[in-house]
Each structure stands twice: as C-alpha cells, then as structure tokens.
C-alpha cells in the first residue's frame, strides 16, 4: 500500500531548522500503514530535509553555523543571478529528502533524533513537503 500527503510549512528566518517530526508523524499515523518506510521530500532548490539531534537547540544553530563556514554567502558564480548561491549549495549538500522506517504505525527514530526542514533562503510563507508512506 502507498499513501501520500502534502504538508505546508512556513519559515520565519533566512536560515533556520523547523522541526517537523510530529507533523510528519501525524501523516504516517493517518496513512494507516503499520510497517514500512516514510519518504519525506521538500520541493524547491534552496531547502533541505535532515534528521538531526532535537533536544539541544544549540546543535541546530551549530549545523547552520557549520554550513555558513563551509558554504559562505556572496562568493559563488550563481550570486551574479540572484544572490542565493549558498542556499542552493546547502540544499544540495544536505539533500532534499529523508527516508525513515515505520514501525507500529509510527516513525522509528532514535531517542534524540528529530526530523527538520532546513530553510536556506527564507523566510517563506509556504514550503511544500511531500510525505509518501509505503508498507502494510
């Protein structure tokens, strides 16, 4: 069986991580699938999806700081077009999707793991997230 849901998430800052664990978890529960996998995908070339430590907000800031260090804004060829090359590069590096196991009708995550939307070119009023759940 395959079930799919579309979610919309607003972002408030230029760069931020928005926790989506419960939102995606509700889509999994609503699917009725008990055992399988959940694929989470964000449309757009300047956002990403990541599983990351969710208990300490400092680690979320650390991830964004790391990306700013490795992919500093304002020095890329694409910046001549619309000045957001770093956002595109961060999206490509982090990736636009994650696939997670589903067990007992819920996402199977470790104790500290949470699912985040990574905004690299915000704020945006509507980031579209597709949740596809496969299983039985």
C-alpha atoms as a PDB file:
ATOM      1  CA  UNK A   1       0.000   0.000   0.000  1.00  0.00           C
ATOM      2  CA  UNK A   2       1.167   3.556  -0.720  1.00  0.00           C
ATOM      3  CA  UNK A   3      -0.261   6.714   0.860  1.00  0.00           C
ATOM      4  CA  UNK A   4       0.804  10.271   0.144  1.00  0.00           C
ATOM      5  CA  UNK A   5       0.194  13.582   1.888  1.00  0.00           C
ATOM      6  CA  UNK A   6       1.206  17.147   1.133  1.00  0.00           C
ATOM      7  CA  UNK A   7       2.190  19.410   4.021  1.00  0.00           C
ATOM      8  CA  UNK A   8       2.867  23.140   4.008  1.00  0.00           C
ATOM      9  CA  UNK A   9       5.393  24.638   6.407  1.00  0.00           C
ATOM     10  CA  UNK A  10       6.094  28.357   6.824  1.00  0.00           C
ATOM     11  CA  UNK A  11       9.554  29.596   7.758  1.00  0.00           C
ATOM     12  CA  UNK A  12      10.387  32.804   9.607  1.00  0.00           C
ATOM     13  CA  UNK A  13      14.096  33.412   9.080  1.00  0.00           C
ATOM     14  CA  UNK A  14      16.593  33.440   6.225  1.00  0.00           C
ATOM     15  CA  UNK A  15      18.209  30.271   7.585  1.00  0.00           C
ATOM     16  CA  UNK A  16      16.611  28.017  10.151  1.00  0.00           C
ATOM     17  CA  UNK A  17      15.700  24.468  11.059  1.00  0.00           C
ATOM     18  CA  UNK A  18      11.991  23.837  11.580  1.00  0.00           C
ATOM     19  CA  UNK A  19      11.120  20.651  13.438  1.00  0.00           C
ATOM     20  CA  UNK A  20       8.568  18.556  11.561  1.00  0.00           C
ATOM     21  CA  UNK A  21       8.676  15.289  13.499  1.00  0.00           C
ATOM     22  CA  UNK A  22       5.121  15.496  14.851  1.00  0.00           C
ATOM     23  CA  UNK A  23       3.677  16.867  11.602  1.00  0.00           C
ATOM     24  CA  UNK A  24       5.172  14.044   9.557  1.00  0.00           C
ATOM     25  CA  UNK A  25       4.372  11.545  12.317  1.00  0.00           C
ATOM     26  CA  UNK A  26       0.707  12.511  12.069  1.00  0.00           C
ATOM     27  CA  UNK A  27       0.793  11.912   8.301  1.00  0.00           C
ATOM     28  CA  UNK A  28       2.243   8.454   8.968  1.00  0.00           C
ATOM     29  CA  UNK A  29      -0.430   7.654  11.584  1.00  0.00           C
ATOM     30  CA  UNK A  30      -3.176   8.895   9.235  1.00  0.00           C
ATOM     31  CA  UNK A  31      -1.899   6.630   6.462  1.00  0.00           C
ATOM     32  CA  UNK A  32      -2.892   3.533   8.420  1.00  0.00           C
ATOM     33  CA  UNK A  33       0.364   1.841   7.436  1.00  0.00           C
ATOM     34  CA  UNK A  34       1.858  -0.099  10.336  1.00  0.00           C
ATOM     35  CA  UNK A  35       5.162  -1.355   8.889  1.00  0.00           C
ATOM     36  CA  UNK A  36       7.148   0.158   6.057  1.00  0.00           C
ATOM     37  CA  UNK A  37       9.041   3.313   5.155  1.00  0.00           C
ATOM     38  CA  UNK A  38       8.260   7.012   5.064  1.00  0.00           C
ATOM     39  CA  UNK A  39       9.883   9.200   2.440  1.00  0.00           C
ATOM     40  CA  UNK A  40       9.884  12.959   3.149  1.00  0.00           C
ATOM     41  CA  UNK A  41      10.713  15.360   0.290  1.00  0.00           C
ATOM     42  CA  UNK A  42      10.754  19.170   0.102  1.00  0.00           C
ATOM     43  CA  UNK A  43      10.157  20.869  -3.231  1.00  0.00           C
ATOM     44  CA  UNK A  44      12.426  23.769  -4.093  1.00  0.00           C
ATOM     45  CA  UNK A  45      16.156  24.108  -4.653  1.00  0.00           C
ATOM     46  CA  UNK A  46      17.017  26.156  -1.553  1.00  0.00           C
ATOM     47  CA  UNK A  47      15.693  23.961   1.269  1.00  0.00           C
ATOM     48  CA  UNK A  48      16.550  20.578   2.703  1.00  0.00           C
ATOM     49  CA  UNK A  49      15.388  17.774   4.965  1.00  0.00           C
ATOM     50  CA  UNK A  50      17.587  16.337   7.708  1.00  0.00           C
ATOM     51  CA  UNK A  51      17.407  14.011  10.700  1.00  0.00           C
ATOM     52  CA  UNK A  52      19.310  15.737  13.500  1.00  0.00           C
ATOM     53  CA  UNK A  53      19.564  15.977  17.288  1.00  0.00           C
ATOM     54  CA  UNK A  54      16.376  17.600  18.528  1.00  0.00           C
ATOM     55  CA  UNK A  55      16.924  18.008  22.257  1.00  0.00           C
ATOM     56  CA  UNK A  56      19.555  20.767  22.263  1.00  0.00           C
ATOM     57  CA  UNK A  57      18.656  23.793  20.080  1.00  0.00           C
ATOM     58  CA  UNK A  58      22.335  24.812  20.155  1.00  0.00           C
ATOM     59  CA  UNK A  59      23.107  21.855  17.875  1.00  0.00           C
ATOM     60  CA  UNK A  60      20.631  23.178  15.323  1.00  0.00           C
ATOM     61  CA  UNK A  61      22.437  26.531  15.377  1.00  0.00           C
ATOM     62  CA  UNK A  62      25.759  24.681  15.183  1.00  0.00           C
ATOM     63  CA  UNK A  63      24.649  22.932  11.992  1.00  0.00           C
ATOM     64  CA  UNK A  64      23.662  26.256  10.413  1.00  0.00           C
ATOM     65  CA  UNK A  65      26.980  27.802  11.552  1.00  0.00           C
ATOM     66  CA  UNK A  66      28.888  24.875  10.046  1.00  0.00           C
ATOM     67  CA  UNK A  67      27.130  25.364   6.723  1.00  0.00           C
ATOM     68  CA  UNK A  68      27.850  29.138   6.804  1.00  0.00           C
ATOM     69  CA  UNK A  69      31.532  28.344   7.371  1.00  0.00           C
ATOM     70  CA  UNK A  70      31.792  25.720   4.647  1.00  0.00           C
ATOM     71  CA  UNK A  71      29.447  27.472   2.193  1.00  0.00           C
ATOM     72  CA  UNK A  72      29.846  31.205   2.883  1.00  0.00           C
ATOM     73  CA  UNK A  73      27.411  33.523   1.120  1.00  0.00           C
ATOM     74  CA  UNK A  74      28.477  36.018  -1.531  1.00  0.00           C
ATOM     75  CA  UNK A  75      31.343  34.252  -3.259  1.00  0.00           C
ATOM     76  CA  UNK A  76      29.720  31.977  -5.843  1.00  0.00           C
ATOM     77  CA  UNK A  77      29.133  32.432  -9.588  1.00  0.00           C
ATOM     78  CA  UNK A  78      25.364  31.976  -9.241  1.00  0.00           C
ATOM     79  CA  UNK A  79      25.261  35.043  -6.961  1.00  0.00           C
ATOM     80  CA  UNK A  80      25.503  37.174 -10.109  1.00  0.00           C
ATOM     81  CA  UNK A  81      21.980  35.997 -10.989  1.00  0.00           C
ATOM     82  CA  UNK A  82      20.035  36.236  -7.717  1.00  0.00           C
ATOM     83  CA  UNK A  83      22.464  36.275  -4.786  1.00  0.00           C
ATOM     84  CA  UNK A  84      21.382  32.980  -3.230  1.00  0.00           C
ATOM     85  CA  UNK A  85      24.002  30.509  -4.432  1.00  0.00           C
ATOM     86  CA  UNK A  86      24.894  29.480  -0.867  1.00  0.00           C
ATOM     87  CA  UNK A  87      21.264  28.459  -0.294  1.00  0.00           C
ATOM     88  CA  UNK A  88      21.335  26.249  -3.401  1.00  0.00           C
ATOM     89  CA  UNK A  89      24.658  24.700  -2.388  1.00  0.00           C
ATOM     90  CA  UNK A  90      23.467  23.991   1.170  1.00  0.00           C
ATOM     91  CA  UNK A  91      20.338  22.348  -0.212  1.00  0.00           C
ATOM     92  CA  UNK A  92      22.417  20.146  -2.497  1.00  0.00           C
ATOM     93  CA  UNK A  93      24.760  19.218   0.345  1.00  0.00           C
ATOM     94  CA  UNK A  94      22.098  18.457   2.989  1.00  0.00           C
ATOM     95  CA  UNK A  95      19.700  16.909   0.476  1.00  0.00           C
ATOM     96  CA  UNK A  96      16.007  17.410  -0.164  1.00  0.00           C
ATOM     97  CA  UNK A  97      14.720  14.152   1.315  1.00  0.00           C
ATOM     98  CA  UNK A  98      14.991  11.553   4.048  1.00  0.00           C
ATOM     99  CA  UNK A  99      13.642   8.016   4.222  1.00  0.00           C
ATOM    100  CA  UNK A 100      12.681   6.728   7.658  1.00  0.00           C
ATOM    101  CA  UNK A 101      11.400   3.365   8.896  1.00  0.00           C
ATOM    102  CA  UNK A 102       7.802   2.985  10.054  1.00  0.00           C
ATOM    103  CA  UNK A 103       7.029   0.504  12.803  1.00  0.00           C
ATOM    104  CA  UNK A 104       3.812   0.152  14.755  1.00  0.00           C
ATOM    105  CA  UNK A 105       2.258   2.937  12.699  1.00  0.00           C
ATOM    106  CA  UNK A 106       4.877   5.489  13.828  1.00  0.00           C
ATOM    107  CA  UNK A 107       8.203   6.877  12.668  1.00  0.00           C
ATOM    108  CA  UNK A 108      11.075   4.839  14.049  1.00  0.00           C
ATOM    109  CA  UNK A 109      13.638   7.351  15.348  1.00  0.00           C
ATOM    110  CA  UNK A 110      16.343   7.223  17.988  1.00  0.00           C
ATOM    111  CA  UNK A 111      15.856   8.871  21.371  1.00  0.00           C
ATOM    112  CA  UNK A 112      17.313  12.236  20.334  1.00  0.00           C
ATOM    113  CA  UNK A 113      16.558  12.168  16.608  1.00  0.00           C
ATOM    114  CA  UNK A 114      14.064  14.595  15.086  1.00  0.00           C
ATOM    115  CA  UNK A 115      13.121  15.466  11.529  1.00  0.00           C
ATOM    116  CA  UNK A 116      13.773  19.020  10.341  1.00  0.00           C
ATOM    117  CA  UNK A 117      13.012  21.205   7.364  1.00  0.00           C
ATOM    118  CA  UNK A 118      16.166  23.213   6.617  1.00  0.00           C
ATOM    119  CA  UNK A 119      15.431  26.687   5.299  1.00  0.00           C
ATOM    120  CA  UNK A 120      18.344  28.293   3.481  1.00  0.00           C
ATOM    121  CA  UNK A 121      16.574  31.094   1.557  1.00  0.00           C
ATOM    122  CA  UNK A 122      13.750  32.369   3.726  1.00  0.00           C
ATOM    123  CA  UNK A 123      11.552  33.426   5.082  1.00  0.00           C
ATOM    124  CA  UNK A 124       8.974  31.559   3.013  1.00  0.00           C
ATOM    125  CA  UNK A 125       5.253  31.520   3.609  1.00  0.00           C
ATOM    126  CA  UNK A 126       4.841  28.031   2.178  1.00  0.00           C
ATOM    127  CA  UNK A 127       7.412  25.276   1.787  1.00  0.00           C
ATOM    128  CA  UNK A 128       5.724  22.221   0.311  1.00  0.00           C
ATOM    129  CA  UNK A 129       6.649  18.881   1.845  1.00  0.00           C
ATOM    130  CA  UNK A 130       5.566  15.563   0.333  1.00  0.00           C
ATOM    131  CA  UNK A 131       5.227  12.593   2.678  1.00  0.00           C
ATOM    132  CA  UNK A 132       4.949   9.204   0.977  1.00  0.00           C
ATOM    133  CA  UNK A 133       4.413   6.147   3.169  1.00  0.00           C
ATOM    134  CA  UNK A 134       4.958   2.655   1.721  1.00  0.00           C
ATOM    135  CA  UNK A 135       4.084  -0.541   3.523  1.00  0.00           C
ATOM    136  CA  UNK A 136       1.328  -2.597   5.019  1.00  0.00           C
END
